[in-house]
Amino acid sequence: MHTDQPDSVGRLATLMAMWDDLVAALPPEALATRLPIRSNPIGAQLWCIVGGRESYARALREGA
């Protein structure tokens, strides 16, 4: 296990809270909006963040 893991967990928790604040501030219709570039809707992009959260949590549990 890395010695910097507690700091990593704290940073990860802070970043997750920031994303939670952003999503809470968005009106529901914003999730269907596409950025003015070729992209998926914002809601679909947020699902990628959910997947990342799951991967980070799994890595931390495994001591990565």
N, C-alpha and C. Protein backbone atom coordinates (compact mmCIF):
# COMPACT_ATOMS: atom_id res chain seq x y z
N MET A 1 0.85 -1.18 0.00
CA MET A 1 0.00 0.00 0.00
C MET A 1 0.89 1.24 0.00
N HIS A 2 0.53 2.23 -0.79
CA HIS A 2 1.31 3.47 -0.86
C HIS A 2 1.08 4.32 0.39
N THR A 3 2.12 5.01 0.81
CA THR A 3 2.00 5.84 2.00
C THR A 3 1.16 7.08 1.77
N ASP A 4 0.98 7.48 0.50
CA ASP A 4 0.20 8.68 0.23
C ASP A 4 -1.28 8.38 0.04
N GLN A 5 -1.71 7.17 0.31
CA GLN A 5 -3.10 6.81 0.09
C GLN A 5 -4.09 7.68 0.86
N PRO A 6 -3.88 8.00 2.14
CA PRO A 6 -4.85 8.86 2.82
C PRO A 6 -5.01 10.22 2.12
N ASP A 7 -3.91 10.79 1.64
CA ASP A 7 -4.02 12.05 0.90
C ASP A 7 -4.79 11.84 -0.40
N SER A 8 -4.56 10.72 -1.06
CA SER A 8 -5.28 10.42 -2.29
C SER A 8 -6.77 10.28 -2.03
N VAL A 9 -7.13 9.62 -0.95
CA VAL A 9 -8.53 9.44 -0.60
C VAL A 9 -9.17 10.80 -0.32
N GLY A 10 -8.46 11.65 0.41
CA GLY A 10 -8.99 12.98 0.71
C GLY A 10 -9.19 13.82 -0.54
N ARG A 11 -8.21 13.78 -1.44
CA ARG A 11 -8.34 14.53 -2.71
C ARG A 11 -9.49 13.99 -3.54
N LEU A 12 -9.60 12.67 -3.59
CA LEU A 12 -10.68 12.05 -4.35
C LEU A 12 -12.03 12.44 -3.77
N ALA A 13 -12.16 12.42 -2.46
CA ALA A 13 -13.42 12.80 -1.82
C ALA A 13 -13.75 14.26 -2.12
N THR A 14 -12.75 15.13 -2.10
CA THR A 14 -12.98 16.55 -2.41
C THR A 14 -13.45 16.71 -3.85
N LEU A 15 -12.78 16.03 -4.78
CA LEU A 15 -13.17 16.13 -6.19
C LEU A 15 -14.57 15.58 -6.43
N MET A 16 -14.91 14.49 -5.77
CA MET A 16 -16.26 13.92 -5.92
C MET A 16 -17.30 14.89 -5.41
N ALA A 17 -17.02 15.54 -4.29
CA ALA A 17 -17.95 16.51 -3.73
C ALA A 17 -18.14 17.69 -4.69
N MET A 18 -17.06 18.10 -5.35
CA MET A 18 -17.17 19.21 -6.29
C MET A 18 -18.05 18.83 -7.48
N TRP A 19 -17.90 17.59 -7.99
CA TRP A 19 -18.75 17.14 -9.09
C TRP A 19 -20.20 17.05 -8.62
N ASP A 20 -20.41 16.57 -7.40
CA ASP A 20 -21.78 16.50 -6.86
C ASP A 20 -22.41 17.88 -6.81
N ASP A 21 -21.64 18.88 -6.39
CA ASP A 21 -22.15 20.26 -6.34
C ASP A 21 -22.51 20.77 -7.73
N LEU A 22 -21.66 20.47 -8.70
CA LEU A 22 -21.92 20.90 -10.08
C LEU A 22 -23.22 20.27 -10.60
N VAL A 23 -23.35 18.97 -10.43
CA VAL A 23 -24.54 18.27 -10.94
C VAL A 23 -25.79 18.79 -10.23
N ALA A 24 -25.71 19.04 -8.93
CA ALA A 24 -26.87 19.55 -8.19
C ALA A 24 -27.30 20.92 -8.69
N ALA A 25 -26.35 21.69 -9.23
CA ALA A 25 -26.67 23.04 -9.71
C ALA A 25 -27.25 23.04 -11.12
N LEU A 26 -27.14 21.93 -11.83
CA LEU A 26 -27.65 21.86 -13.20
C LEU A 26 -29.14 21.59 -13.21
N PRO A 27 -29.88 22.30 -14.04
CA PRO A 27 -31.30 21.93 -14.19
C PRO A 27 -31.38 20.60 -14.95
N PRO A 28 -32.39 19.80 -14.70
CA PRO A 28 -32.48 18.48 -15.34
C PRO A 28 -32.35 18.52 -16.86
N GLU A 29 -32.90 19.53 -17.50
CA GLU A 29 -32.82 19.59 -18.96
C GLU A 29 -31.39 19.79 -19.47
N ALA A 30 -30.50 20.26 -18.61
CA ALA A 30 -29.11 20.46 -19.02
C ALA A 30 -28.42 19.13 -19.32
N LEU A 31 -28.89 18.06 -18.70
CA LEU A 31 -28.26 16.76 -18.91
C LEU A 31 -28.42 16.27 -20.34
N ALA A 32 -29.44 16.73 -21.05
CA ALA A 32 -29.64 16.34 -22.44
C ALA A 32 -28.92 17.27 -23.41
N THR A 33 -28.32 18.32 -22.91
CA THR A 33 -27.66 19.33 -23.74
C THR A 33 -26.31 18.82 -24.24
N ARG A 34 -26.02 19.19 -25.48
CA ARG A 34 -24.70 18.90 -26.04
C ARG A 34 -23.89 20.18 -26.03
N LEU A 35 -22.61 20.05 -25.81
CA LEU A 35 -21.72 21.21 -25.89
C LEU A 35 -21.64 21.66 -27.35
N PRO A 36 -21.20 22.90 -27.61
CA PRO A 36 -21.16 23.39 -28.99
C PRO A 36 -19.98 22.83 -29.78
N ILE A 37 -19.60 21.63 -29.44
CA ILE A 37 -18.59 20.88 -30.18
C ILE A 37 -19.15 19.48 -30.37
N ARG A 38 -18.52 18.70 -31.18
CA ARG A 38 -18.99 17.33 -31.39
C ARG A 38 -18.79 16.55 -30.08
N SER A 39 -19.89 16.19 -29.44
CA SER A 39 -19.78 15.53 -28.14
C SER A 39 -21.06 14.77 -27.81
N ASN A 40 -20.97 13.96 -26.78
CA ASN A 40 -22.16 13.32 -26.22
C ASN A 40 -22.90 14.34 -25.36
N PRO A 41 -24.18 14.08 -25.07
CA PRO A 41 -24.88 14.96 -24.13
C PRO A 41 -24.17 14.99 -22.78
N ILE A 42 -24.36 16.05 -22.05
CA ILE A 42 -23.70 16.22 -20.76
C ILE A 42 -24.01 15.06 -19.82
N GLY A 43 -25.25 14.59 -19.82
CA GLY A 43 -25.61 13.47 -18.95
C GLY A 43 -24.81 12.22 -19.27
N ALA A 44 -24.58 11.94 -20.56
CA ALA A 44 -23.79 10.77 -20.95
C ALA A 44 -22.34 10.94 -20.52
N GLN A 45 -21.83 12.16 -20.60
CA GLN A 45 -20.46 12.41 -20.16
C GLN A 45 -20.34 12.19 -18.65
N LEU A 46 -21.38 12.56 -17.91
CA LEU A 46 -21.35 12.36 -16.47
C LEU A 46 -21.33 10.88 -16.11
N TRP A 47 -21.94 10.03 -16.96
CA TRP A 47 -21.88 8.59 -16.70
C TRP A 47 -20.44 8.10 -16.76
N CYS A 48 -19.62 8.72 -17.61
CA CYS A 48 -18.19 8.36 -17.66
C CYS A 48 -17.52 8.70 -16.33
N ILE A 49 -17.93 9.81 -15.73
CA ILE A 49 -17.37 10.20 -14.44
C ILE A 49 -17.78 9.18 -13.38
N VAL A 50 -19.02 8.71 -13.44
CA VAL A 50 -19.47 7.68 -12.50
C VAL A 50 -18.59 6.43 -12.64
N GLY A 51 -18.31 6.04 -13.87
CA GLY A 51 -17.45 4.88 -14.10
C GLY A 51 -16.05 5.10 -13.54
N GLY A 52 -15.53 6.31 -13.71
CA GLY A 52 -14.22 6.64 -13.15
C GLY A 52 -14.22 6.55 -11.63
N ARG A 53 -15.28 7.04 -11.02
CA ARG A 53 -15.39 6.96 -9.56
C ARG A 53 -15.34 5.51 -9.10
N GLU A 54 -16.05 4.66 -9.80
CA GLU A 54 -16.05 3.24 -9.43
C GLU A 54 -14.67 2.63 -9.59
N SER A 55 -13.97 3.01 -10.66
CA SER A 55 -12.61 2.49 -10.88
C SER A 55 -11.65 2.99 -9.82
N TYR A 56 -11.74 4.27 -9.47
CA TYR A 56 -10.85 4.82 -8.44
C TYR A 56 -11.11 4.14 -7.09
N ALA A 57 -12.38 3.95 -6.77
CA ALA A 57 -12.71 3.31 -5.49
C ALA A 57 -12.17 1.89 -5.45
N ARG A 58 -12.31 1.16 -6.55
CA ARG A 58 -11.81 -0.21 -6.61
C ARG A 58 -10.28 -0.22 -6.46
N ALA A 59 -9.60 0.70 -7.15
CA ALA A 59 -8.13 0.77 -7.05
C ALA A 59 -7.68 1.09 -5.63
N LEU A 60 -8.39 2.00 -4.96
CA LEU A 60 -8.03 2.33 -3.59
C LEU A 60 -8.23 1.15 -2.65
N ARG A 61 -9.33 0.40 -2.87
CA ARG A 61 -9.58 -0.78 -2.04
C ARG A 61 -8.47 -1.82 -2.23
N GLU A 62 -7.96 -1.90 -3.46
CA GLU A 62 -6.94 -2.90 -3.77
C GLU A 62 -5.54 -2.40 -3.45
N GLY A 63 -5.43 -1.16 -2.99
CA GLY A 63 -4.13 -0.64 -2.57
C GLY A 63 -3.29 -0.06 -3.68
N ALA A 64 -3.91 0.25 -4.80
CA ALA A 64 -3.15 0.81 -5.93
C ALA A 64 -2.77 2.25 -5.68
